[in-house]
């Protein structure tokens, strides 16, 4: 799991670029997350924790 930590940090940093506000919000250039983005990250975190716990039990 340790080799994955730098990759996860890089993925998080790169995905934050895609969280830019669009013109419809009246906040051009400000970062924010939509509910769908947050849900996807929570599912990913749950999978990562599940894999970590499964490997820890071996």
PDB file of N, CA and C in Angstrom:
ATOM      1  N   UNK A   1       0.821  -1.195   0.000  1.00  0.00           N
ATOM      2  CA  UNK A   1       0.000   0.000   0.000  1.00  0.00           C
ATOM      3  C   UNK A   1       0.866   1.261   0.000  1.00  0.00           C
ATOM      4  N   UNK A   2       2.048   1.203   0.599  1.00  0.00           N
ATOM      5  CA  UNK A   2       2.897   2.395   0.669  1.00  0.00           C
ATOM      6  C   UNK A   2       3.269   2.948  -0.705  1.00  0.00           C
ATOM      7  N   UNK A   3       3.555   2.094  -1.713  1.00  0.00           N
ATOM      8  CA  UNK A   3       3.862   2.665  -3.032  1.00  0.00           C
ATOM      9  C   UNK A   3       2.669   3.395  -3.658  1.00  0.00           C
ATOM     10  N   UNK A   4       1.474   3.096  -3.217  1.00  0.00           N
ATOM     11  CA  UNK A   4       0.293   3.737  -3.780  1.00  0.00           C
ATOM     12  C   UNK A   4       0.064   5.142  -3.232  1.00  0.00           C
ATOM     13  N   UNK A   5       0.617   5.445  -2.068  1.00  0.00           N
ATOM     14  CA  UNK A   5       0.351   6.742  -1.436  1.00  0.00           C
ATOM     15  C   UNK A   5       0.796   7.913  -2.315  1.00  0.00           C
ATOM     16  N   UNK A   6       2.028   7.921  -2.871  1.00  0.00           N
ATOM     17  CA  UNK A   6       2.387   9.042  -3.759  1.00  0.00           C
ATOM     18  C   UNK A   6       1.485   9.122  -4.991  1.00  0.00           C
ATOM     19  N   UNK A   7       1.092   7.975  -5.513  1.00  0.00           N
ATOM     20  CA  UNK A   7       0.201   7.969  -6.679  1.00  0.00           C
ATOM     21  C   UNK A   7      -1.163   8.541  -6.322  1.00  0.00           C
ATOM     22  N   UNK A   8      -1.673   8.210  -5.134  1.00  0.00           N
ATOM     23  CA  UNK A   8      -2.963   8.750  -4.709  1.00  0.00           C
ATOM     24  C   UNK A   8      -2.889  10.256  -4.476  1.00  0.00           C
ATOM     25  N   UNK A   9      -1.781  10.724  -3.928  1.00  0.00           N
ATOM     26  CA  UNK A   9      -1.605  12.167  -3.725  1.00  0.00           C
ATOM     27  C   UNK A   9      -1.565  12.886  -5.072  1.00  0.00           C
ATOM     28  N   UNK A  10      -0.829  12.322  -6.020  1.00  0.00           N
ATOM     29  CA  UNK A  10      -0.754  12.932  -7.351  1.00  0.00           C
ATOM     30  C   UNK A  10      -2.112  12.925  -8.034  1.00  0.00           C
ATOM     31  N   UNK A  11      -2.843  11.826  -7.914  1.00  0.00           N
ATOM     32  CA  UNK A  11      -4.169  11.732  -8.522  1.00  0.00           C
ATOM     33  C   UNK A  11      -5.120  12.752  -7.911  1.00  0.00           C
ATOM     34  N   UNK A  12      -5.047  12.923  -6.606  1.00  0.00           N
ATOM     35  CA  UNK A  12      -5.892  13.914  -5.936  1.00  0.00           C
ATOM     36  C   UNK A  12      -5.561  15.326  -6.417  1.00  0.00           C
ATOM     37  N   UNK A  13      -4.274  15.625  -6.520  1.00  0.00           N
ATOM     38  CA  UNK A  13      -3.867  16.958  -6.978  1.00  0.00           C
ATOM     39  C   UNK A  13      -4.307  17.208  -8.416  1.00  0.00           C
ATOM     40  N   UNK A  14      -4.167  16.199  -9.268  1.00  0.00           N
ATOM     41  CA  UNK A  14      -4.561  16.369 -10.665  1.00  0.00           C
ATOM     42  C   UNK A  14      -6.071  16.483 -10.820  1.00  0.00           C
ATOM     43  N   UNK A  15      -6.818  15.751 -10.009  1.00  0.00           N
ATOM     44  CA  UNK A  15      -8.272  15.806 -10.136  1.00  0.00           C
ATOM     45  C   UNK A  15      -8.831  17.120  -9.602  1.00  0.00           C
ATOM     46  N   UNK A  16      -8.102  17.782  -8.717  1.00  0.00           N
ATOM     47  CA  UNK A  16      -8.565  19.078  -8.207  1.00  0.00           C
ATOM     48  C   UNK A  16      -8.615  20.119  -9.320  1.00  0.00           C
ATOM     49  N   UNK A  17      -7.798  19.930 -10.338  1.00  0.00           N
ATOM     50  CA  UNK A  17      -7.812  20.845 -11.479  1.00  0.00           C
ATOM     51  C   UNK A  17      -9.170  20.790 -12.174  1.00  0.00           C
ATOM     52  N   UNK A  18      -9.791  19.615 -12.206  1.00  0.00           N
ATOM     53  CA  UNK A  18     -11.078  19.452 -12.870  1.00  0.00           C
ATOM     54  C   UNK A  18     -12.243  19.972 -12.045  1.00  0.00           C
ATOM     55  N   UNK A  19     -12.000  20.414 -10.821  1.00  0.00           N
ATOM     56  CA  UNK A  19     -13.075  20.882  -9.946  1.00  0.00           C
ATOM     57  C   UNK A  19     -13.257  22.393 -10.024  1.00  0.00           C
ATOM     58  N   UNK A  20     -12.859  22.987 -11.116  1.00  0.00           N
ATOM     59  CA  UNK A  20     -12.997  24.434 -11.276  1.00  0.00           C
ATOM     60  C   UNK A  20     -14.457  24.807 -11.485  1.00  0.00           C
ATOM     61  N   UNK A  21     -14.849  25.931 -10.930  1.00  0.00           N
ATOM     62  CA  UNK A  21     -16.214  26.419 -11.100  1.00  0.00           C
ATOM     63  C   UNK A  21     -16.437  26.785 -12.560  1.00  0.00           C
ATOM     64  N   UNK A  22     -17.635  26.565 -13.023  1.00  0.00           N
ATOM     65  CA  UNK A  22     -17.947  26.965 -14.385  1.00  0.00           C
ATOM     66  C   UNK A  22     -18.827  28.203 -14.353  1.00  0.00           C
ATOM     67  N   UNK A  23     -19.011  28.809 -15.508  1.00  0.00           N
ATOM     68  CA  UNK A  23     -19.666  30.119 -15.593  1.00  0.00           C
ATOM     69  C   UNK A  23     -21.066  30.155 -15.002  1.00  0.00           C
ATOM     70  N   UNK A  24     -21.763  29.046 -14.987  1.00  0.00           N
ATOM     71  CA  UNK A  24     -23.133  29.026 -14.493  1.00  0.00           C
ATOM     72  C   UNK A  24     -23.265  29.357 -13.017  1.00  0.00           C
ATOM     73  N   UNK A  25     -22.182  29.217 -12.247  1.00  0.00           N
ATOM     74  CA  UNK A  25     -22.228  29.508 -10.815  1.00  0.00           C
ATOM     75  C   UNK A  25     -21.919  30.968 -10.503  1.00  0.00           C
ATOM     76  N   UNK A  26     -21.439  31.700 -11.477  1.00  0.00           N
ATOM     77  CA  UNK A  26     -21.058  33.080 -11.227  1.00  0.00           C
ATOM     78  C   UNK A  26     -19.762  33.209 -10.449  1.00  0.00           C
ATOM     79  N   UNK A  27     -18.970  32.123 -10.393  1.00  0.00           N
ATOM     80  CA  UNK A  27     -17.701  32.131  -9.677  1.00  0.00           C
ATOM     81  C   UNK A  27     -16.588  31.664 -10.608  1.00  0.00           C
ATOM     82  N   UNK A  28     -16.281  32.380 -11.658  1.00  0.00           N
ATOM     83  CA  UNK A  28     -15.265  31.891 -12.590  1.00  0.00           C
ATOM     84  C   UNK A  28     -13.902  31.745 -11.917  1.00  0.00           C
ATOM     85  N   UNK A  29     -13.293  30.597 -12.093  1.00  0.00           N
ATOM     86  CA  UNK A  29     -11.948  30.366 -11.585  1.00  0.00           C
ATOM     87  C   UNK A  29     -11.852  29.914 -10.145  1.00  0.00           C
ATOM     88  N   UNK A  30     -12.954  29.768  -9.428  1.00  0.00           N
ATOM     89  CA  UNK A  30     -12.899  29.313  -8.037  1.00  0.00           C
ATOM     90  C   UNK A  30     -13.125  27.810  -7.978  1.00  0.00           C
ATOM     91  N   UNK A  31     -12.358  27.119  -7.156  1.00  0.00           N
ATOM     92  CA  UNK A  31     -12.499  25.671  -7.033  1.00  0.00           C
ATOM     93  C   UNK A  31     -13.658  25.311  -6.121  1.00  0.00           C
ATOM     94  N   UNK A  32     -14.351  24.272  -6.480  1.00  0.00           N
ATOM     95  CA  UNK A  32     -15.419  23.744  -5.639  1.00  0.00           C
ATOM     96  C   UNK A  32     -15.702  22.315  -6.064  1.00  0.00           C
ATOM     97  N   UNK A  33     -16.368  21.583  -5.201  1.00  0.00           N
ATOM     98  CA  UNK A  33     -16.721  20.195  -5.483  1.00  0.00           C
ATOM     99  C   UNK A  33     -18.226  20.077  -5.600  1.00  0.00           C
ATOM    100  N   UNK A  34     -18.661  19.255  -6.521  1.00  0.00           N
ATOM    101  CA  UNK A  34     -20.076  18.919  -6.635  1.00  0.00           C
ATOM    102  C   UNK A  34     -20.331  17.658  -5.820  1.00  0.00           C
ATOM    103  N   UNK A  35     -21.584  17.382  -5.491  1.00  0.00           N
ATOM    104  CA  UNK A  35     -21.926  16.202  -4.690  1.00  0.00           C
ATOM    105  C   UNK A  35     -21.460  14.921  -5.372  1.00  0.00           C
ATOM    106  N   UNK A  36     -21.572  14.844  -6.679  1.00  0.00           N
ATOM    107  CA  UNK A  36     -21.134  13.650  -7.410  1.00  0.00           C
ATOM    108  C   UNK A  36     -19.642  13.415  -7.285  1.00  0.00           C
ATOM    109  N   UNK A  37     -18.852  14.486  -7.303  1.00  0.00           N
ATOM    110  CA  UNK A  37     -17.406  14.360  -7.135  1.00  0.00           C
ATOM    111  C   UNK A  37     -17.075  13.808  -5.756  1.00  0.00           C
ATOM    112  N   UNK A  38     -17.733  14.342  -4.749  1.00  0.00           N
ATOM    113  CA  UNK A  38     -17.486  13.920  -3.373  1.00  0.00           C
ATOM    114  C   UNK A  38     -17.878  12.466  -3.173  1.00  0.00           C
ATOM    115  N   UNK A  39     -19.015  12.077  -3.717  1.00  0.00           N
ATOM    116  CA  UNK A  39     -19.469  10.690  -3.595  1.00  0.00           C
ATOM    117  C   UNK A  39     -18.467   9.740  -4.226  1.00  0.00           C
ATOM    118  N   UNK A  40     -17.955  10.102  -5.390  1.00  0.00           N
ATOM    119  CA  UNK A  40     -16.979   9.257  -6.072  1.00  0.00           C
ATOM    120  C   UNK A  40     -15.714   9.093  -5.236  1.00  0.00           C
ATOM    121  N   UNK A  41     -15.244  10.179  -4.603  1.00  0.00           N
ATOM    122  CA  UNK A  41     -14.060  10.081  -3.748  1.00  0.00           C
ATOM    123  C   UNK A  41     -14.329   9.234  -2.507  1.00  0.00           C
ATOM    124  N   UNK A  42     -15.531   9.343  -1.933  1.00  0.00           N
ATOM    125  CA  UNK A  42     -15.864   8.530  -0.761  1.00  0.00           C
ATOM    126  C   UNK A  42     -15.909   7.050  -1.115  1.00  0.00           C
ATOM    127  N   UNK A  43     -16.450   6.722  -2.282  1.00  0.00           N
ATOM    128  CA  UNK A  43     -16.468   5.325  -2.734  1.00  0.00           C
ATOM    129  C   UNK A  43     -15.038   4.833  -2.929  1.00  0.00           C
ATOM    130  N   UNK A  44     -14.199   5.653  -3.543  1.00  0.00           N
ATOM    131  CA  UNK A  44     -12.800   5.278  -3.726  1.00  0.00           C
ATOM    132  C   UNK A  44     -12.075   5.080  -2.405  1.00  0.00           C
ATOM    133  N   UNK A  45     -12.341   5.951  -1.442  1.00  0.00           N
ATOM    134  CA  UNK A  45     -11.721   5.817  -0.120  1.00  0.00           C
ATOM    135  C   UNK A  45     -12.200   4.551   0.578  1.00  0.00           C
ATOM    136  N   UNK A  46     -13.486   4.231   0.448  1.00  0.00           N
ATOM    137  CA  UNK A  46     -14.023   3.013   1.063  1.00  0.00           C
ATOM    138  C   UNK A  46     -13.387   1.772   0.447  1.00  0.00           C
ATOM    139  N   UNK A  47     -13.195   1.777  -0.856  1.00  0.00           N
ATOM    140  CA  UNK A  47     -12.537   0.644  -1.518  1.00  0.00           C
ATOM    141  C   UNK A  47     -11.097   0.522  -1.043  1.00  0.00           C
ATOM    142  N   UNK A  48     -10.390   1.650  -0.944  1.00  0.00           N
ATOM    143  CA  UNK A  48      -8.997   1.620  -0.487  1.00  0.00           C
ATOM    144  C   UNK A  48      -8.892   1.091   0.936  1.00  0.00           C
ATOM    145  N   UNK A  49      -9.779   1.522   1.813  1.00  0.00           N
ATOM    146  CA  UNK A  49      -9.770   1.037   3.202  1.00  0.00           C
ATOM    147  C   UNK A  49     -10.102  -0.451   3.239  1.00  0.00           C
ATOM    148  N   UNK A  50     -11.067  -0.871   2.443  1.00  0.00           N
ATOM    149  CA  UNK A  50     -11.420  -2.290   2.387  1.00  0.00           C
ATOM    150  C   UNK A  50     -10.259  -3.148   1.922  1.00  0.00           C
ATOM    151  N   UNK A  51      -9.554  -2.699   0.896  1.00  0.00           N
ATOM    152  CA  UNK A  51      -8.384  -3.444   0.418  1.00  0.00           C
ATOM    153  C   UNK A  51      -7.285  -3.473   1.470  1.00  0.00           C
ATOM    154  N   UNK A  52      -7.078  -2.344   2.145  1.00  0.00           N
ATOM    155  CA  UNK A  52      -6.048  -2.290   3.181  1.00  0.00           C
ATOM    156  C   UNK A  52      -6.376  -3.250   4.320  1.00  0.00           C
ATOM    157  N   UNK A  53      -7.633  -3.260   4.754  1.00  0.00           N
ATOM    158  CA  UNK A  53      -8.032  -4.160   5.838  1.00  0.00           C
ATOM    159  C   UNK A  53      -7.947  -5.618   5.411  1.00  0.00           C
ATOM    160  N   UNK A  54      -8.292  -5.912   4.160  1.00  0.00           N
ATOM    161  CA  UNK A  54      -8.219  -7.289   3.668  1.00  0.00           C
ATOM    162  C   UNK A  54      -6.774  -7.774   3.615  1.00  0.00           C
ATOM    163  N   UNK A  55      -5.866  -6.923   3.186  1.00  0.00           N
ATOM    164  CA  UNK A  55      -4.455  -7.316   3.104  1.00  0.00           C
ATOM    165  C   UNK A  55      -3.834  -7.407   4.489  1.00  0.00           C
ATOM    166  N   UNK A  56      -4.316  -6.599   5.406  1.00  0.00           N
ATOM    167  CA  UNK A  56      -3.785  -6.590   6.771  1.00  0.00           C
ATOM    168  C   UNK A  56      -4.122  -7.884   7.503  1.00  0.00           C
ATOM    169  N   UNK A  57      -5.249  -8.490   7.142  1.00  0.00           N
ATOM    170  CA  UNK A  57      -5.684  -9.713   7.800  1.00  0.00           C
ATOM    171  C   UNK A  57      -4.946 -10.957   7.356  1.00  0.00           C
ATOM    172  N   UNK A  58      -4.124 -10.850   6.317  1.00  0.00           N
ATOM    173  CA  UNK A  58      -3.406 -12.030   5.812  1.00  0.00           C
ATOM    174  C   UNK A  58      -2.328 -12.463   6.745  1.00  0.00           C
TER     175      UNK A  58
END
